[in-house]
Amino acid sequence: MTKDQKVQLVEDLSQKLAACDYFYIVNSATMTVDEVNTFRKACFSKGIEYQVVKNTLIAKALDKLDTQTDYAELKEGALKGMSGILFSPESGAAPAKVLKDFQAGMPKDRKIPALKAASIDGGLYVGGEHLEALTAVKSKAELIGDILGLLQSPAKNVVSALQSSGQTLSGLLKTLEEKGE
């Protein structure tokens, strides 16, 4: 790869990282070609892009980002060995679920591809022990929907109570009126 190609790759990678709120760095060093192809298909089916990139190029792309997030811990802890990046434009949990499902199909002694690190809306999770927690991460749209549901719930209960008591009250008045005749 020429120097110009590397510069272009770093530029493209930094643009993807800036545009994507959710990315995961995984270790896929001991995967066979068939396993990598199967993993790529699993990612593609969920709308996730998987790309193998040199660690130095990932570090340079992270340095180019204009964010408040300090990626030093990620660079020190995760950018060793062979690395691949999972880009998820929609959901922070989708890559974790794909990783977990793929690992479930592997022999017990081969938990690959292994999670090295994840960035979810600027929050960093370094280490494979975070995989289980990352599967439960909700997207912004899901959180907003949950909040709206919670806000609407008390209003619906009040309206429902008023409607049912109104029907009960009108039924009671009607019965009293009929008895009075």
N, C-alpha and C. Protein backbone atom coordinates (compact mmCIF):
# COMPACT_ATOMS: atom_id res chain seq x y z
N MET A 1 0.86 -1.17 0.00
CA MET A 1 0.00 0.00 0.00
C MET A 1 0.90 1.23 0.00
N THR A 2 0.64 2.14 -0.91
CA THR A 2 1.45 3.34 -1.00
C THR A 2 1.06 4.34 0.09
N LYS A 3 1.92 5.33 0.25
CA LYS A 3 1.65 6.35 1.26
C LYS A 3 0.37 7.12 0.95
N ASP A 4 0.15 7.42 -0.32
CA ASP A 4 -1.07 8.13 -0.72
C ASP A 4 -2.32 7.30 -0.42
N GLN A 5 -2.24 5.99 -0.64
CA GLN A 5 -3.36 5.12 -0.35
C GLN A 5 -3.65 5.08 1.16
N LYS A 6 -2.57 5.07 1.95
CA LYS A 6 -2.75 5.07 3.41
C LYS A 6 -3.38 6.37 3.87
N VAL A 7 -2.93 7.49 3.32
CA VAL A 7 -3.49 8.80 3.68
C VAL A 7 -4.98 8.84 3.33
N GLN A 8 -5.32 8.32 2.14
CA GLN A 8 -6.72 8.29 1.72
C GLN A 8 -7.55 7.37 2.62
N LEU A 9 -6.96 6.22 3.00
CA LEU A 9 -7.65 5.28 3.89
C LEU A 9 -7.91 5.92 5.26
N VAL A 10 -6.92 6.62 5.80
CA VAL A 10 -7.08 7.30 7.09
C VAL A 10 -8.17 8.37 6.98
N GLU A 11 -8.19 9.10 5.88
CA GLU A 11 -9.22 10.13 5.68
C GLU A 11 -10.61 9.51 5.61
N ASP A 12 -10.74 8.44 4.83
CA ASP A 12 -12.04 7.75 4.72
C ASP A 12 -12.48 7.18 6.06
N LEU A 13 -11.54 6.57 6.77
CA LEU A 13 -11.84 5.97 8.06
C LEU A 13 -12.25 7.03 9.08
N SER A 14 -11.58 8.16 9.09
CA SER A 14 -11.94 9.23 10.04
C SER A 14 -13.32 9.79 9.72
N GLN A 15 -13.68 9.87 8.44
CA GLN A 15 -15.01 10.33 8.06
C GLN A 15 -16.08 9.34 8.52
N LYS A 16 -15.80 8.03 8.38
CA LYS A 16 -16.75 7.02 8.84
C LYS A 16 -16.91 7.08 10.36
N LEU A 17 -15.79 7.23 11.07
CA LEU A 17 -15.83 7.30 12.53
C LEU A 17 -16.60 8.53 13.00
N ALA A 18 -16.42 9.65 12.29
CA ALA A 18 -17.12 10.89 12.66
C ALA A 18 -18.62 10.78 12.37
N ALA A 19 -18.97 10.07 11.31
CA ALA A 19 -20.38 9.98 10.91
C ALA A 19 -21.14 8.91 11.69
N CYS A 20 -20.42 8.01 12.31
CA CYS A 20 -21.05 6.87 12.98
C CYS A 20 -20.93 7.01 14.49
N ASP A 21 -22.05 7.00 15.20
CA ASP A 21 -22.05 7.15 16.65
C ASP A 21 -21.63 5.86 17.36
N TYR A 22 -21.68 4.74 16.64
CA TYR A 22 -21.41 3.45 17.25
C TYR A 22 -20.36 2.70 16.44
N PHE A 23 -19.23 2.40 17.06
CA PHE A 23 -18.27 1.52 16.41
C PHE A 23 -17.60 0.62 17.44
N TYR A 24 -17.26 -0.56 16.99
CA TYR A 24 -16.63 -1.59 17.82
C TYR A 24 -15.31 -1.98 17.19
N ILE A 25 -14.32 -2.24 18.01
CA ILE A 25 -13.04 -2.78 17.53
C ILE A 25 -12.94 -4.20 18.06
N VAL A 26 -12.69 -5.14 17.14
CA VAL A 26 -12.66 -6.55 17.50
C VAL A 26 -11.34 -7.19 17.08
N ASN A 27 -11.02 -8.29 17.75
CA ASN A 27 -9.84 -9.08 17.42
C ASN A 27 -10.32 -10.31 16.66
N SER A 28 -9.89 -10.44 15.43
CA SER A 28 -10.28 -11.58 14.61
C SER A 28 -9.06 -12.32 14.09
N ALA A 29 -7.97 -12.26 14.85
CA ALA A 29 -6.67 -12.77 14.38
C ALA A 29 -6.67 -14.25 14.05
N THR A 30 -7.35 -15.08 14.80
CA THR A 30 -7.27 -16.52 14.58
C THR A 30 -8.43 -17.08 13.76
N MET A 31 -9.21 -16.20 13.15
CA MET A 31 -10.34 -16.66 12.36
C MET A 31 -9.87 -17.18 11.00
N THR A 32 -10.53 -18.24 10.53
CA THR A 32 -10.23 -18.76 9.20
C THR A 32 -10.95 -17.90 8.16
N VAL A 33 -10.62 -18.10 6.89
CA VAL A 33 -11.25 -17.33 5.82
C VAL A 33 -12.75 -17.60 5.80
N ASP A 34 -13.15 -18.86 5.98
CA ASP A 34 -14.58 -19.19 6.02
C ASP A 34 -15.28 -18.50 7.19
N GLU A 35 -14.64 -18.48 8.34
CA GLU A 35 -15.23 -17.83 9.52
C GLU A 35 -15.37 -16.32 9.30
N VAL A 36 -14.36 -15.71 8.69
CA VAL A 36 -14.42 -14.27 8.40
C VAL A 36 -15.56 -13.99 7.43
N ASN A 37 -15.68 -14.80 6.39
CA ASN A 37 -16.76 -14.59 5.41
C ASN A 37 -18.13 -14.77 6.05
N THR A 38 -18.27 -15.76 6.90
CA THR A 38 -19.54 -15.99 7.61
C THR A 38 -19.84 -14.81 8.53
N PHE A 39 -18.82 -14.32 9.21
CA PHE A 39 -18.99 -13.17 10.10
C PHE A 39 -19.39 -11.92 9.32
N ARG A 40 -18.76 -11.70 8.18
CA ARG A 40 -19.11 -10.55 7.33
C ARG A 40 -20.57 -10.63 6.88
N LYS A 41 -21.02 -11.83 6.51
CA LYS A 41 -22.41 -12.02 6.10
C LYS A 41 -23.36 -11.72 7.25
N ALA A 42 -23.00 -12.19 8.45
CA ALA A 42 -23.84 -11.92 9.63
C ALA A 42 -23.93 -10.42 9.89
N CYS A 43 -22.81 -9.73 9.75
CA CYS A 43 -22.80 -8.28 9.94
C CYS A 43 -23.63 -7.59 8.87
N PHE A 44 -23.44 -7.98 7.63
CA PHE A 44 -24.15 -7.36 6.51
C PHE A 44 -25.65 -7.52 6.65
N SER A 45 -26.09 -8.69 7.12
CA SER A 45 -27.53 -8.93 7.28
C SER A 45 -28.16 -8.01 8.33
N LYS A 46 -27.36 -7.49 9.25
CA LYS A 46 -27.85 -6.58 10.29
C LYS A 46 -27.55 -5.12 9.98
N GLY A 47 -27.02 -4.83 8.79
CA GLY A 47 -26.71 -3.45 8.41
C GLY A 47 -25.45 -2.91 9.03
N ILE A 48 -24.52 -3.81 9.39
CA ILE A 48 -23.27 -3.42 10.03
C ILE A 48 -22.13 -3.63 9.04
N GLU A 49 -21.24 -2.66 8.97
CA GLU A 49 -20.08 -2.78 8.09
C GLU A 49 -18.89 -3.28 8.90
N TYR A 50 -18.19 -4.27 8.36
CA TYR A 50 -16.99 -4.81 9.01
C TYR A 50 -15.80 -4.56 8.11
N GLN A 51 -14.76 -3.99 8.69
CA GLN A 51 -13.57 -3.64 7.93
C GLN A 51 -12.33 -3.95 8.76
N VAL A 52 -11.37 -4.66 8.16
CA VAL A 52 -10.10 -4.95 8.84
C VAL A 52 -9.13 -3.83 8.48
N VAL A 53 -8.54 -3.22 9.51
CA VAL A 53 -7.66 -2.07 9.32
C VAL A 53 -6.46 -2.20 10.26
N LYS A 54 -5.31 -1.72 9.80
CA LYS A 54 -4.12 -1.71 10.66
C LYS A 54 -4.34 -0.79 11.85
N ASN A 55 -3.79 -1.19 12.97
CA ASN A 55 -3.95 -0.41 14.21
C ASN A 55 -3.41 1.01 14.09
N THR A 56 -2.29 1.18 13.42
CA THR A 56 -1.71 2.52 13.29
C THR A 56 -2.62 3.43 12.48
N LEU A 57 -3.30 2.88 11.48
CA LEU A 57 -4.22 3.68 10.68
C LEU A 57 -5.47 4.04 11.48
N ILE A 58 -5.93 3.10 12.31
CA ILE A 58 -7.08 3.39 13.19
C ILE A 58 -6.70 4.53 14.15
N ALA A 59 -5.51 4.44 14.73
CA ALA A 59 -5.06 5.47 15.68
C ALA A 59 -4.97 6.83 14.99
N LYS A 60 -4.46 6.87 13.78
CA LYS A 60 -4.37 8.14 13.05
C LYS A 60 -5.76 8.69 12.73
N ALA A 61 -6.67 7.80 12.37
CA ALA A 61 -8.04 8.25 12.07
C ALA A 61 -8.71 8.79 13.33
N LEU A 62 -8.48 8.15 14.48
CA LEU A 62 -9.04 8.64 15.75
C LEU A 62 -8.46 9.99 16.12
N ASP A 63 -7.17 10.20 15.82
CA ASP A 63 -6.53 11.48 16.11
C ASP A 63 -7.14 12.62 15.29
N LYS A 64 -7.63 12.30 14.10
CA LYS A 64 -8.20 13.32 13.22
C LYS A 64 -9.61 13.74 13.62
N LEU A 65 -10.24 12.95 14.50
CA LEU A 65 -11.62 13.26 14.89
C LEU A 65 -11.66 14.53 15.75
N ASP A 66 -12.67 15.33 15.50
CA ASP A 66 -12.87 16.55 16.28
C ASP A 66 -14.00 16.29 17.29
N THR A 67 -13.66 15.59 18.38
CA THR A 67 -14.66 15.26 19.40
C THR A 67 -14.10 15.57 20.78
N GLN A 68 -14.98 15.51 21.76
CA GLN A 68 -14.59 15.71 23.15
C GLN A 68 -14.03 14.42 23.75
N THR A 69 -14.25 13.31 23.09
CA THR A 69 -13.84 12.01 23.62
C THR A 69 -12.34 11.85 23.53
N ASP A 70 -11.73 11.38 24.62
CA ASP A 70 -10.30 11.09 24.65
C ASP A 70 -10.12 9.60 24.35
N TYR A 71 -9.55 9.29 23.20
CA TYR A 71 -9.39 7.91 22.76
C TYR A 71 -8.07 7.29 23.22
N ALA A 72 -7.36 7.92 24.15
CA ALA A 72 -6.06 7.41 24.60
C ALA A 72 -6.19 6.01 25.19
N GLU A 73 -7.20 5.79 26.05
CA GLU A 73 -7.39 4.48 26.67
C GLU A 73 -7.67 3.42 25.61
N LEU A 74 -8.46 3.78 24.62
CA LEU A 74 -8.77 2.85 23.54
C LEU A 74 -7.52 2.52 22.75
N LYS A 75 -6.72 3.53 22.43
CA LYS A 75 -5.49 3.30 21.65
C LYS A 75 -4.50 2.44 22.42
N GLU A 76 -4.39 2.66 23.72
CA GLU A 76 -3.43 1.89 24.53
C GLU A 76 -3.92 0.47 24.78
N GLY A 77 -5.21 0.31 25.04
CA GLY A 77 -5.72 -0.99 25.45
C GLY A 77 -6.21 -1.88 24.32
N ALA A 78 -6.69 -1.29 23.23
CA ALA A 78 -7.35 -2.10 22.20
C ALA A 78 -6.59 -2.22 20.89
N LEU A 79 -5.73 -1.29 20.61
CA LEU A 79 -5.06 -1.32 19.32
C LEU A 79 -3.75 -2.09 19.37
N LYS A 80 -3.90 -3.38 19.62
CA LYS A 80 -2.78 -4.32 19.62
C LYS A 80 -3.24 -5.55 18.86
N GLY A 81 -2.33 -6.19 18.16
CA GLY A 81 -2.70 -7.37 17.40
C GLY A 81 -3.52 -6.99 16.17
N MET A 82 -4.22 -7.95 15.62
CA MET A 82 -5.05 -7.70 14.43
C MET A 82 -6.38 -7.11 14.85
N SER A 83 -6.81 -6.06 14.14
CA SER A 83 -8.05 -5.39 14.51
C SER A 83 -8.99 -5.24 13.33
N GLY A 84 -10.25 -5.34 13.63
CA GLY A 84 -11.30 -5.06 12.67
C GLY A 84 -12.27 -4.09 13.32
N ILE A 85 -12.96 -3.30 12.49
CA ILE A 85 -13.90 -2.31 13.01
C ILE A 85 -15.30 -2.65 12.50
N LEU A 86 -16.25 -2.59 13.41
CA LEU A 86 -17.66 -2.75 13.08
C LEU A 86 -18.31 -1.38 13.17
N PHE A 87 -18.92 -0.92 12.08
CA PHE A 87 -19.63 0.35 12.07
C PHE A 87 -21.12 0.08 12.05
N SER A 88 -21.83 0.66 13.01
CA SER A 88 -23.28 0.50 13.08
C SER A 88 -23.94 1.87 13.09
N PRO A 89 -24.59 2.25 12.00
CA PRO A 89 -25.20 3.58 11.95
C PRO A 89 -26.49 3.71 12.76
N GLU A 90 -27.17 2.60 13.03
CA GLU A 90 -28.49 2.65 13.65
C GLU A 90 -28.51 2.35 15.14
N SER A 91 -27.78 1.31 15.56
CA SER A 91 -27.94 0.82 16.92
C SER A 91 -26.59 0.50 17.54
N GLY A 92 -26.44 0.87 18.81
CA GLY A 92 -25.22 0.54 19.53
C GLY A 92 -25.18 -0.90 20.00
N ALA A 93 -26.33 -1.54 20.08
CA ALA A 93 -26.40 -2.92 20.55
C ALA A 93 -26.26 -3.94 19.43
N ALA A 94 -26.54 -3.56 18.20
CA ALA A 94 -26.53 -4.52 17.09
C ALA A 94 -25.18 -5.21 16.91
N PRO A 95 -24.04 -4.50 16.91
CA PRO A 95 -22.77 -5.20 16.77
C PRO A 95 -22.50 -6.16 17.93
N ALA A 96 -22.87 -5.77 19.14
CA ALA A 96 -22.66 -6.63 20.30
C ALA A 96 -23.48 -7.91 20.17
N LYS A 97 -24.71 -7.79 19.68
CA LYS A 97 -25.56 -8.96 19.49
C LYS A 97 -24.99 -9.88 18.41
N VAL A 98 -24.48 -9.30 17.32
CA VAL A 98 -23.88 -10.10 16.26
C VAL A 98 -22.65 -10.83 16.80
N LEU A 99 -21.81 -10.11 17.55
CA LEU A 99 -20.62 -10.74 18.15
C LEU A 99 -21.01 -11.89 19.07
N LYS A 100 -21.97 -11.63 19.93
CA LYS A 100 -22.39 -12.65 20.90
C LYS A 100 -22.98 -13.87 20.20
N ASP A 101 -23.82 -13.64 19.19
CA ASP A 101 -24.41 -14.76 18.45
C ASP A 101 -23.35 -15.55 17.70
N PHE A 102 -22.40 -14.84 17.11
CA PHE A 102 -21.34 -15.52 16.36
C PHE A 102 -20.45 -16.33 17.30
N GLN A 103 -20.14 -15.74 18.45
CA GLN A 103 -19.32 -16.46 19.43
C GLN A 103 -20.04 -17.69 19.97
N ALA A 104 -21.36 -17.63 20.06
CA ALA A 104 -22.12 -18.77 20.56
C ALA A 104 -21.98 -19.98 19.64
N GLY A 105 -21.76 -19.74 18.36
CA GLY A 105 -21.59 -20.82 17.41
C GLY A 105 -20.18 -21.36 17.33
N MET A 106 -19.28 -20.74 18.05
CA MET A 106 -17.87 -21.16 18.04
C MET A 106 -17.63 -22.15 19.18
N PRO A 107 -16.56 -22.97 19.07
CA PRO A 107 -16.21 -23.84 20.20
C PRO A 107 -15.92 -23.00 21.45
N LYS A 108 -16.13 -23.60 22.62
CA LYS A 108 -15.98 -22.87 23.90
C LYS A 108 -14.61 -22.23 24.07
N ASP A 109 -13.57 -22.86 23.54
CA ASP A 109 -12.21 -22.32 23.73
C ASP A 109 -11.87 -21.23 22.70
N ARG A 110 -12.76 -20.96 21.74
CA ARG A 110 -12.50 -19.94 20.71
C ARG A 110 -13.61 -18.89 20.74
N LYS A 111 -13.50 -17.90 21.56
CA LYS A 111 -14.48 -16.82 21.63
C LYS A 111 -14.03 -15.70 20.70
N ILE A 112 -14.16 -15.95 19.39
CA ILE A 112 -13.74 -14.96 18.41
C ILE A 112 -14.92 -14.65 17.49
N PRO A 113 -14.96 -13.52 16.88
CA PRO A 113 -14.08 -12.38 17.12
C PRO A 113 -14.33 -11.80 18.51
N ALA A 114 -13.27 -11.47 19.17
CA ALA A 114 -13.34 -10.97 20.55
C ALA A 114 -13.45 -9.45 20.57
N LEU A 115 -14.29 -8.95 21.45
CA LEU A 115 -14.43 -7.50 21.61
C LEU A 115 -13.19 -6.93 22.26
N LYS A 116 -12.61 -5.92 21.61
CA LYS A 116 -11.48 -5.19 22.20
C LYS A 116 -11.98 -3.90 22.84
N ALA A 117 -12.84 -3.19 22.10
CA ALA A 117 -13.34 -1.90 22.59
C ALA A 117 -14.58 -1.50 21.80
N ALA A 118 -15.34 -0.59 22.37
CA ALA A 118 -16.52 -0.05 21.69
C ALA A 118 -16.66 1.42 22.05
N SER A 119 -17.20 2.17 21.11
CA SER A 119 -17.52 3.57 21.35
C SER A 119 -19.00 3.74 21.06
N ILE A 120 -19.75 4.08 22.11
CA ILE A 120 -21.19 4.27 21.99
C ILE A 120 -21.49 5.72 22.35
N ASP A 121 -21.86 6.51 21.35
CA ASP A 121 -22.13 7.94 21.54
C ASP A 121 -21.01 8.64 22.31
N GLY A 122 -19.78 8.30 22.00
CA GLY A 122 -18.64 8.94 22.64
C GLY A 122 -18.19 8.28 23.93
N GLY A 123 -18.96 7.36 24.47
CA GLY A 123 -18.56 6.63 25.68
C GLY A 123 -17.72 5.43 25.28
N LEU A 124 -16.62 5.22 25.98
CA LEU A 124 -15.71 4.12 25.63
C LEU A 124 -15.88 2.93 26.56
N TYR A 125 -15.84 1.75 25.99
CA TYR A 125 -15.90 0.48 26.72
C TYR A 125 -14.73 -0.36 26.22
N VAL A 126 -13.69 -0.47 27.02
CA VAL A 126 -12.50 -1.20 26.62
C VAL A 126 -12.47 -2.53 27.35
N GLY A 127 -12.42 -3.60 26.58
CA GLY A 127 -12.34 -4.94 27.15
C GLY A 127 -13.55 -5.79 26.81
N GLY A 128 -13.31 -7.08 26.68
CA GLY A 128 -14.36 -8.02 26.31
C GLY A 128 -15.43 -8.23 27.37
N GLU A 129 -15.14 -7.85 28.61
CA GLU A 129 -16.12 -8.05 29.69
C GLU A 129 -17.36 -7.17 29.53
N HIS A 130 -17.31 -6.20 28.62
CA HIS A 130 -18.44 -5.29 28.42
C HIS A 130 -19.44 -5.81 27.37
N LEU A 131 -19.14 -6.93 26.75
CA LEU A 131 -19.98 -7.41 25.65
C LEU A 131 -21.42 -7.65 26.10
N GLU A 132 -21.62 -8.29 27.22
CA GLU A 132 -22.97 -8.59 27.70
C GLU A 132 -23.76 -7.30 27.96
N ALA A 133 -23.13 -6.32 28.58
CA ALA A 133 -23.81 -5.05 28.86
C ALA A 133 -24.13 -4.29 27.57
N LEU A 134 -23.26 -4.40 26.58
CA LEU A 134 -23.47 -3.68 25.32
C LEU A 134 -24.63 -4.25 24.51
N THR A 135 -24.98 -5.51 24.74
CA THR A 135 -26.12 -6.08 24.01
C THR A 135 -27.44 -5.43 24.45
N ALA A 136 -27.47 -4.82 25.62
CA ALA A 136 -28.70 -4.21 26.14
C ALA A 136 -28.78 -2.71 25.88
N VAL A 137 -27.78 -2.13 25.22
CA VAL A 137 -27.77 -0.69 24.95
C VAL A 137 -28.90 -0.35 23.99
N LYS A 138 -29.66 0.68 24.33
CA LYS A 138 -30.76 1.12 23.47
C LYS A 138 -30.31 2.31 22.64
N SER A 139 -30.89 2.43 21.47
CA SER A 139 -30.58 3.56 20.60
C SER A 139 -31.31 4.80 21.13
N LYS A 140 -30.96 5.96 20.61
CA LYS A 140 -31.60 7.20 21.03
C LYS A 140 -33.10 7.16 20.73
N ALA A 141 -33.46 6.63 19.57
CA ALA A 141 -34.88 6.56 19.19
C ALA A 141 -35.64 5.66 20.16
N GLU A 142 -35.06 4.53 20.56
CA GLU A 142 -35.72 3.64 21.51
C GLU A 142 -35.88 4.31 22.87
N LEU A 143 -34.86 5.03 23.32
CA LEU A 143 -34.95 5.74 24.61
C LEU A 143 -36.01 6.84 24.58
N ILE A 144 -36.06 7.56 23.48
CA ILE A 144 -37.07 8.62 23.35
C ILE A 144 -38.47 8.01 23.36
N GLY A 145 -38.63 6.88 22.66
CA GLY A 145 -39.92 6.18 22.66
C GLY A 145 -40.32 5.72 24.05
N ASP A 146 -39.35 5.18 24.81
CA ASP A 146 -39.63 4.76 26.19
C ASP A 146 -40.06 5.93 27.06
N ILE A 147 -39.37 7.05 26.92
CA ILE A 147 -39.69 8.24 27.72
C ILE A 147 -41.08 8.77 27.37
N LEU A 148 -41.38 8.82 26.07
CA LEU A 148 -42.71 9.29 25.65
C LEU A 148 -43.80 8.36 26.17
N GLY A 149 -43.54 7.06 26.14
CA GLY A 149 -44.51 6.10 26.68
C GLY A 149 -44.74 6.31 28.16
N LEU A 150 -43.66 6.58 28.90
CA LEU A 150 -43.80 6.83 30.33
C LEU A 150 -44.54 8.13 30.61
N LEU A 151 -44.29 9.13 29.80
CA LEU A 151 -44.97 10.42 30.00
C LEU A 151 -46.45 10.33 29.65
N GLN A 152 -46.79 9.52 28.66
CA GLN A 152 -48.19 9.40 28.25
C GLN A 152 -48.98 8.49 29.19
N SER A 153 -48.31 7.60 29.86
CA SER A 153 -48.99 6.62 30.71
C SER A 153 -49.86 7.26 31.79
N PRO A 154 -49.37 8.22 32.59
CA PRO A 154 -50.23 8.81 33.62
C PRO A 154 -51.43 9.54 33.02
N ALA A 155 -51.24 10.22 31.92
CA ALA A 155 -52.35 10.94 31.29
C ALA A 155 -53.41 9.95 30.81
N LYS A 156 -52.99 8.85 30.23
CA LYS A 156 -53.94 7.83 29.77
C LYS A 156 -54.71 7.24 30.94
N ASN A 157 -54.03 7.03 32.05
CA ASN A 157 -54.69 6.48 33.23
C ASN A 157 -55.75 7.44 33.77
N VAL A 158 -55.43 8.72 33.80
CA VAL A 158 -56.38 9.72 34.29
C VAL A 158 -57.60 9.79 33.37
N VAL A 159 -57.36 9.83 32.07
CA VAL A 159 -58.46 9.90 31.11
C VAL A 159 -59.32 8.65 31.21
N SER A 160 -58.67 7.51 31.33
CA SER A 160 -59.41 6.24 31.46
C SER A 160 -60.25 6.22 32.73
N ALA A 161 -59.69 6.68 33.84
CA ALA A 161 -60.42 6.72 35.10
C ALA A 161 -61.61 7.67 35.02
N LEU A 162 -61.40 8.82 34.40
CA LEU A 162 -62.50 9.78 34.26
C LEU A 162 -63.62 9.23 33.38
N GLN A 163 -63.24 8.55 32.32
CA GLN A 163 -64.25 7.99 31.42
C GLN A 163 -65.02 6.87 32.11
N SER A 164 -64.32 6.01 32.82
CA SER A 164 -65.02 4.90 33.46
C SER A 164 -65.89 5.41 34.61
N SER A 165 -65.40 6.41 35.39
CA SER A 165 -66.24 6.92 36.47
C SER A 165 -67.40 7.70 35.91
N GLY A 166 -67.22 8.33 34.77
CA GLY A 166 -68.33 9.04 34.16
C GLY A 166 -69.42 8.07 33.75
N GLN A 167 -69.03 6.94 33.21
CA GLN A 167 -70.02 5.93 32.82
C GLN A 167 -70.69 5.33 34.06
N THR A 168 -69.91 5.11 35.10
CA THR A 168 -70.47 4.57 36.34
C THR A 168 -71.43 5.57 36.96
N LEU A 169 -71.03 6.84 36.98
CA LEU A 169 -71.86 7.89 37.55
C LEU A 169 -73.16 8.06 36.76
N SER A 170 -73.06 8.04 35.44
CA SER A 170 -74.27 8.19 34.63
C SER A 170 -75.18 6.98 34.80
N GLY A 171 -74.60 5.80 34.93
CA GLY A 171 -75.41 4.60 35.17
C GLY A 171 -76.12 4.67 36.50
N LEU A 172 -75.42 5.17 37.53
CA LEU A 172 -76.00 5.31 38.86
C LEU A 172 -77.15 6.32 38.84
N LEU A 173 -76.96 7.45 38.18
CA LEU A 173 -78.01 8.47 38.08
C LEU A 173 -79.21 7.93 37.33
N LYS A 174 -78.98 7.18 36.29
CA LYS A 174 -80.07 6.61 35.51
C LYS A 174 -80.87 5.63 36.36
N THR A 175 -80.17 4.81 37.14
CA THR A 175 -80.85 3.84 38.02
C THR A 175 -81.66 4.56 39.07
N LEU A 176 -81.12 5.60 39.70
CA LEU A 176 -81.84 6.37 40.70
C LEU A 176 -83.06 7.06 40.09
N GLU A 177 -82.92 7.53 38.89
CA GLU A 177 -84.03 8.20 38.22
C GLU A 177 -85.16 7.21 37.95
N GLU A 178 -84.79 6.01 37.52
CA GLU A 178 -85.81 5.00 37.24
C GLU A 178 -86.52 4.57 38.53
N LYS A 179 -85.81 4.48 39.63
CA LYS A 179 -86.42 4.10 40.91
C LYS A 179 -87.35 5.20 41.40
N GLY A 180 -87.02 6.43 41.10
CA GLY A 180 -87.81 7.55 41.56
C GLY A 180 -89.11 7.67 40.81
N GLU A 181 -89.24 7.10 39.65
CA GLU A 181 -90.47 7.20 38.86
C GLU A 181 -91.49 6.32 39.37
